[in-house]
Amino acid sequence: MDNRPGASGIIATDTAAKANPDGYTLLQTSSSVITAAAMGRKLPYDVMKDLAPITNIGTAEGYLVLVNAGVPAKSIPELVALAKSKNLLYGSPGNGNGIHFMTESMSLRAGIKMTHVPYKGLAPAITAILSGELQVLLAPPLATRAHIESGKLRALASVSQKRVTGMPDLPTMQELGFKGFTLLGGWQGVFAPAGVPAGILNRLNKSFAKAINQNEVQTFMQKGGYIPDGGSSAEFRALLQSDFKNFRDLAKTTNIRAY
């Protein structure tokens, strides 16, 4: 393992993209690799050309729309009304992250304007909303469920396609009238440098799929709030192309740009 943190994963991705394409150097990264490209950020590599997708390990359940317990809004309509009466601060794990895109899109559709505060990762953003530094945050259930149960955060809805596992009383944004406003949480995928022989890519794909499909691995991932995948390289590439288009369209609609 060689952890290369920084720049929303760009450092690690660039290292892998320029590695020897022999199948011994792989990249495990999140969907931020696509959002960074979709927002027009200048990158030292081409996501769709310089990386060979192997498989998607799994995808997190949809984000929750959260507010600090001190915020009086107890529903999405109340949050919208509050945002129209005063300026609210919302956080994200960084400019151009999927959470940034979705919160701006939600604001646009609700006819409100909140102030974006980017952080260097999800953990500091969660710390900020817990302290009251932020009022609003979209975040995955896994990272926030304990804070919701303790009463420090309040979940108003989810942006998932169906209600989140273990939270049957929490409505989706679609149920609340935001038609089509859905997004699964970030995925975790595996890539190789472009140029790795097809036979090696196929062998790697089958090896990852075999591991992901083990009962104990499936159980572990599901308890962690992930939907296991382990599909083919072609399916993963189709997901990349779909995500790129969706986030590029969101970037245009919400006017999110790299800076």
Protein backbone atom coordinates (compact mmCIF):
# COMPACT_ATOMS: atom_id res chain seq x y z
CA MET A 1 0.00 0.00 0.00
CA ASP A 2 1.27 3.47 -0.90
CA ASN A 3 -1.03 6.21 0.38
CA ARG A 4 -0.68 9.43 -1.61
CA PRO A 5 -3.06 11.96 -0.01
CA GLY A 6 -3.64 15.49 -1.21
CA ALA A 7 -5.33 17.53 -3.94
CA SER A 8 -8.55 15.49 -3.83
CA GLY A 9 -6.75 12.36 -4.98
CA ILE A 10 -5.05 14.00 -7.95
CA ILE A 11 -1.53 13.22 -6.68
CA ALA A 12 -2.26 9.50 -6.30
CA THR A 13 -4.13 9.32 -9.60
CA ASP A 14 -1.29 11.00 -11.49
CA THR A 15 1.23 8.60 -9.96
CA ALA A 16 -0.82 5.58 -11.06
CA ALA A 17 -1.57 6.97 -14.53
CA LYS A 18 2.15 7.36 -15.21
CA ALA A 19 3.18 3.98 -13.75
CA ASN A 20 4.53 1.08 -15.78
CA PRO A 21 1.46 -0.67 -17.32
CA ASP A 22 2.46 -4.16 -16.21
CA GLY A 23 -0.45 -4.84 -13.87
CA TYR A 24 1.59 -4.47 -10.69
CA THR A 25 0.64 -0.86 -9.96
CA LEU A 26 -3.06 -0.27 -9.32
CA LEU A 27 -5.07 2.72 -8.12
CA GLN A 28 -7.92 2.48 -5.63
CA THR A 29 -9.81 5.76 -5.51
CA SER A 30 -13.24 7.30 -5.12
CA SER A 31 -15.69 8.97 -7.49
CA SER A 32 -13.88 12.26 -6.84
CA VAL A 33 -11.59 11.22 -9.71
CA ILE A 34 -14.53 11.88 -12.04
CA THR A 35 -15.95 15.00 -10.39
CA ALA A 36 -12.55 16.73 -10.58
CA ALA A 37 -12.49 16.15 -14.34
CA ALA A 38 -16.17 17.00 -14.88
CA MET A 39 -15.82 20.46 -13.36
CA GLY A 40 -13.14 21.38 -15.88
CA ARG A 41 -10.22 21.27 -13.48
CA LYS A 42 -6.83 21.25 -15.21
CA LEU A 43 -5.36 17.81 -14.55
CA PRO A 44 -1.98 16.23 -15.39
CA TYR A 45 -3.80 13.23 -16.87
CA ASP A 46 -6.94 12.32 -18.81
CA VAL A 47 -9.22 10.21 -16.62
CA MET A 48 -10.91 8.46 -19.53
CA LYS A 49 -7.73 7.83 -21.56
CA ASP A 50 -4.87 7.37 -19.09
CA LEU A 51 -6.57 4.91 -16.71
CA ALA A 52 -7.98 1.45 -17.39
CA PRO A 53 -11.00 0.69 -15.18
CA ILE A 54 -10.89 -2.73 -13.52
CA THR A 55 -13.96 -2.84 -11.28
CA ASN A 56 -16.13 -0.87 -8.92
CA ILE A 57 -15.66 -2.34 -5.43
CA GLY A 58 -18.88 -0.84 -4.11
CA THR A 59 -21.07 2.24 -3.88
CA ALA A 60 -22.21 3.96 -0.70
CA GLU A 61 -25.89 4.50 -0.04
CA GLY A 62 -27.16 7.96 -0.91
CA TYR A 63 -26.15 11.04 1.05
CA LEU A 64 -28.26 12.40 3.91
CA VAL A 65 -29.32 16.05 4.12
CA LEU A 66 -28.18 16.97 7.62
CA VAL A 67 -28.49 20.01 9.86
CA ASN A 68 -26.89 20.81 13.19
CA ALA A 69 -29.24 20.05 16.09
CA GLY A 70 -29.39 23.77 16.89
CA VAL A 71 -30.95 24.59 13.51
CA PRO A 72 -34.73 24.95 13.99
CA ALA A 73 -35.64 23.29 10.67
CA LYS A 74 -37.10 19.81 11.15
CA SER A 75 -38.00 19.14 7.51
CA ILE A 76 -36.85 20.07 4.02
CA PRO A 77 -39.67 22.67 3.58
CA GLU A 78 -38.66 24.26 6.89
CA LEU A 79 -35.00 24.28 5.82
CA VAL A 80 -35.93 25.98 2.54
CA ALA A 81 -37.98 28.59 4.40
CA LEU A 82 -35.13 29.20 6.85
CA ALA A 83 -32.60 29.58 4.02
CA LYS A 84 -34.84 32.20 2.41
CA SER A 85 -34.88 34.22 5.63
CA LYS A 86 -31.19 34.07 6.55
CA ASN A 87 -27.83 33.02 5.15
CA LEU A 88 -26.92 29.42 5.95
CA LEU A 89 -23.48 27.86 5.64
CA TYR A 90 -23.07 24.42 4.12
CA GLY A 91 -19.91 22.38 3.90
CA SER A 92 -18.29 19.90 1.55
CA PRO A 93 -15.08 17.84 1.43
CA GLY A 94 -13.70 20.25 -1.14
CA ASN A 95 -14.56 22.31 -4.19
CA GLY A 96 -15.97 20.15 -6.96
CA ASN A 97 -16.69 17.18 -4.73
CA GLY A 98 -19.95 15.30 -5.35
CA ILE A 99 -21.39 16.75 -2.14
CA HIS A 100 -20.62 20.26 -3.40
CA PHE A 101 -22.40 19.51 -6.68
CA MET A 102 -25.48 18.03 -5.04
CA THR A 103 -25.92 20.76 -2.44
CA GLU A 104 -25.69 23.48 -5.05
CA SER A 105 -28.15 21.59 -7.23
CA MET A 106 -30.54 21.23 -4.28
CA SER A 107 -30.29 24.96 -3.57
CA LEU A 108 -30.94 25.80 -7.20
CA ARG A 109 -34.04 23.61 -7.38
CA ALA A 110 -35.35 24.95 -4.06
CA GLY A 111 -34.81 28.56 -5.08
CA ILE A 112 -32.41 29.32 -2.24
CA LYS A 113 -28.78 30.37 -1.91
CA MET A 114 -26.47 29.02 0.79
CA THR A 115 -22.79 29.86 1.28
CA HIS A 116 -20.34 27.06 0.46
CA VAL A 117 -17.49 26.34 2.88
CA PRO A 118 -15.02 23.76 1.47
CA TYR A 119 -12.93 21.60 3.81
CA LYS A 120 -9.98 19.28 3.27
CA GLY A 121 -12.02 16.10 3.47
CA LEU A 122 -15.30 14.86 4.91
CA ALA A 123 -14.09 14.40 8.49
CA PRO A 124 -13.35 18.11 9.12
CA ALA A 125 -16.67 19.05 7.49
CA ILE A 126 -18.51 16.74 9.91
CA THR A 127 -16.55 18.23 12.82
CA ALA A 128 -17.61 21.69 11.64
CA ILE A 129 -21.33 20.90 11.52
CA LEU A 130 -21.14 19.19 14.92
CA SER A 131 -19.62 22.34 16.41
CA GLY A 132 -22.20 24.60 14.77
CA GLU A 133 -19.67 26.20 12.46
CA LEU A 134 -21.88 24.92 9.63
CA GLN A 135 -25.64 24.61 9.53
CA VAL A 136 -26.06 22.17 6.62
CA LEU A 137 -24.11 19.20 5.22
CA LEU A 138 -24.78 16.32 2.85
CA ALA A 139 -22.93 13.24 4.11
CA PRO A 140 -23.15 9.43 3.99
CA PRO A 141 -25.04 7.48 6.68
CA LEU A 142 -21.96 5.49 7.71
CA ALA A 143 -20.03 8.59 8.78
CA THR A 144 -22.93 10.32 10.54
CA ARG A 145 -25.38 7.74 11.90
CA ALA A 146 -23.89 7.79 15.43
CA HIS A 147 -24.18 11.59 15.57
CA ILE A 148 -27.79 11.40 14.38
CA GLU A 149 -28.63 8.80 17.02
CA SER A 150 -26.97 10.93 19.73
CA GLY A 151 -29.08 13.93 18.72
CA LYS A 152 -26.17 16.11 17.63
CA LEU A 153 -27.27 16.06 14.00
CA ARG A 154 -30.73 15.89 12.42
CA ALA A 155 -31.37 14.06 9.15
CA LEU A 156 -34.10 15.69 7.05
CA ALA A 157 -34.01 13.48 3.94
CA SER A 158 -31.76 11.39 1.73
CA VAL A 159 -30.82 11.80 -1.92
CA SER A 160 -30.86 8.03 -2.49
CA GLN A 161 -33.15 6.27 -4.95
CA LYS A 162 -34.92 4.49 -2.09
CA ARG A 163 -35.03 4.99 1.66
CA VAL A 164 -31.73 4.34 3.42
CA THR A 165 -31.31 0.98 5.13
CA GLY A 166 -32.00 1.27 8.84
CA MET A 167 -33.74 4.65 8.45
CA PRO A 168 -37.21 3.66 7.16
CA ASP A 169 -38.90 6.85 8.39
CA LEU A 170 -36.52 9.17 6.55
CA PRO A 171 -38.02 10.35 3.22
CA THR A 172 -36.06 10.68 0.01
CA MET A 173 -35.81 14.02 -1.76
CA GLN A 174 -37.82 12.52 -4.61
CA GLU A 175 -40.67 11.77 -2.21
CA LEU A 176 -40.57 15.40 -1.13
CA GLY A 177 -41.11 16.66 -4.67
CA PHE A 178 -37.53 16.91 -5.95
CA LYS A 179 -38.14 14.65 -8.95
CA GLY A 180 -34.99 12.96 -10.26
CA PHE A 181 -32.87 14.40 -7.45
CA THR A 182 -30.98 11.21 -6.62
CA LEU A 183 -27.35 10.25 -6.29
CA LEU A 184 -25.82 7.23 -4.67
CA GLY A 185 -22.90 8.01 -2.42
CA GLY A 186 -19.39 7.88 -3.80
CA TRP A 187 -18.09 4.66 -5.28
CA GLN A 188 -14.70 3.08 -4.62
CA GLY A 189 -13.07 1.76 -7.78
CA VAL A 190 -9.87 0.08 -8.92
CA PHE A 191 -7.87 1.20 -11.96
CA ALA A 192 -4.67 0.26 -13.75
CA PRO A 193 -2.56 2.50 -15.97
CA ALA A 194 -3.77 2.56 -19.57
CA GLY A 195 -1.86 0.10 -21.71
CA VAL A 196 -2.08 -2.88 -19.38
CA PRO A 197 -2.71 -5.95 -21.60
CA ALA A 198 -6.34 -7.06 -21.82
CA GLY A 199 -5.52 -10.50 -20.46
CA ILE A 200 -4.04 -9.02 -17.29
CA LEU A 201 -7.00 -6.65 -16.83
CA ASN A 202 -9.40 -9.57 -17.19
CA ARG A 203 -7.47 -11.61 -14.63
CA LEU A 204 -7.45 -8.69 -12.18
CA ASN A 205 -11.18 -8.13 -12.67
CA LYS A 206 -11.97 -11.77 -11.93
CA SER A 207 -9.73 -11.74 -8.85
CA PHE A 208 -11.40 -8.66 -7.40
CA ALA A 209 -14.87 -10.00 -8.21
CA LYS A 210 -14.07 -13.27 -6.45
CA ALA A 211 -12.94 -11.42 -3.33
CA ILE A 212 -15.88 -9.00 -3.31
CA ASN A 213 -18.39 -11.84 -3.72
CA GLN A 214 -17.23 -13.65 -0.59
CA ASN A 215 -19.99 -13.67 2.04
CA GLU A 216 -17.81 -12.18 4.76
CA VAL A 217 -16.69 -9.34 2.47
CA GLN A 218 -20.27 -8.64 1.40
CA THR A 219 -21.44 -8.56 5.01
CA PHE A 220 -18.58 -6.27 6.03
CA MET A 221 -19.30 -3.82 3.21
CA GLN A 222 -23.05 -3.78 3.82
CA LYS A 223 -22.54 -3.08 7.53
CA GLY A 224 -20.32 -0.21 6.47
CA GLY A 225 -23.07 1.30 4.34
CA TYR A 226 -21.77 0.10 0.97
CA ILE A 227 -23.55 -1.77 -1.80
CA PRO A 228 -21.01 -4.37 -3.05
CA ASP A 229 -20.37 -4.42 -6.81
CA GLY A 230 -17.44 -6.25 -8.38
CA GLY A 231 -18.88 -6.00 -11.91
CA SER A 232 -17.05 -6.15 -15.22
CA SER A 233 -14.58 -3.59 -16.51
CA ALA A 234 -17.09 -2.62 -19.20
CA GLU A 235 -19.79 -1.96 -16.59
CA PHE A 236 -17.38 0.17 -14.57
CA ARG A 237 -16.40 2.17 -17.65
CA ALA A 238 -20.10 2.78 -18.39
CA LEU A 239 -20.52 4.07 -14.82
CA LEU A 240 -17.56 6.43 -15.30
CA GLN A 241 -19.02 7.79 -18.53
CA SER A 242 -22.46 8.25 -16.96
CA ASP A 243 -21.05 9.99 -13.87
CA PHE A 244 -18.87 12.27 -15.98
CA LYS A 245 -21.86 13.40 -18.05
CA ASN A 246 -24.08 13.88 -15.00
CA PHE A 247 -21.51 15.89 -13.06
CA ARG A 248 -20.50 17.91 -16.10
CA ASP A 249 -24.15 18.86 -16.60
CA LEU A 250 -24.43 19.73 -12.90
CA ALA A 251 -21.28 21.86 -13.14
CA LYS A 252 -22.84 23.85 -15.97
CA THR A 253 -26.19 24.20 -14.21
CA THR A 254 -24.74 25.24 -10.85
CA ASN A 255 -21.80 27.19 -12.36
CA ILE A 256 -19.26 25.24 -10.30
CA ARG A 257 -15.76 25.78 -11.61
CA ALA A 258 -12.27 24.82 -10.51
CA TYR A 259 -10.37 27.41 -8.50
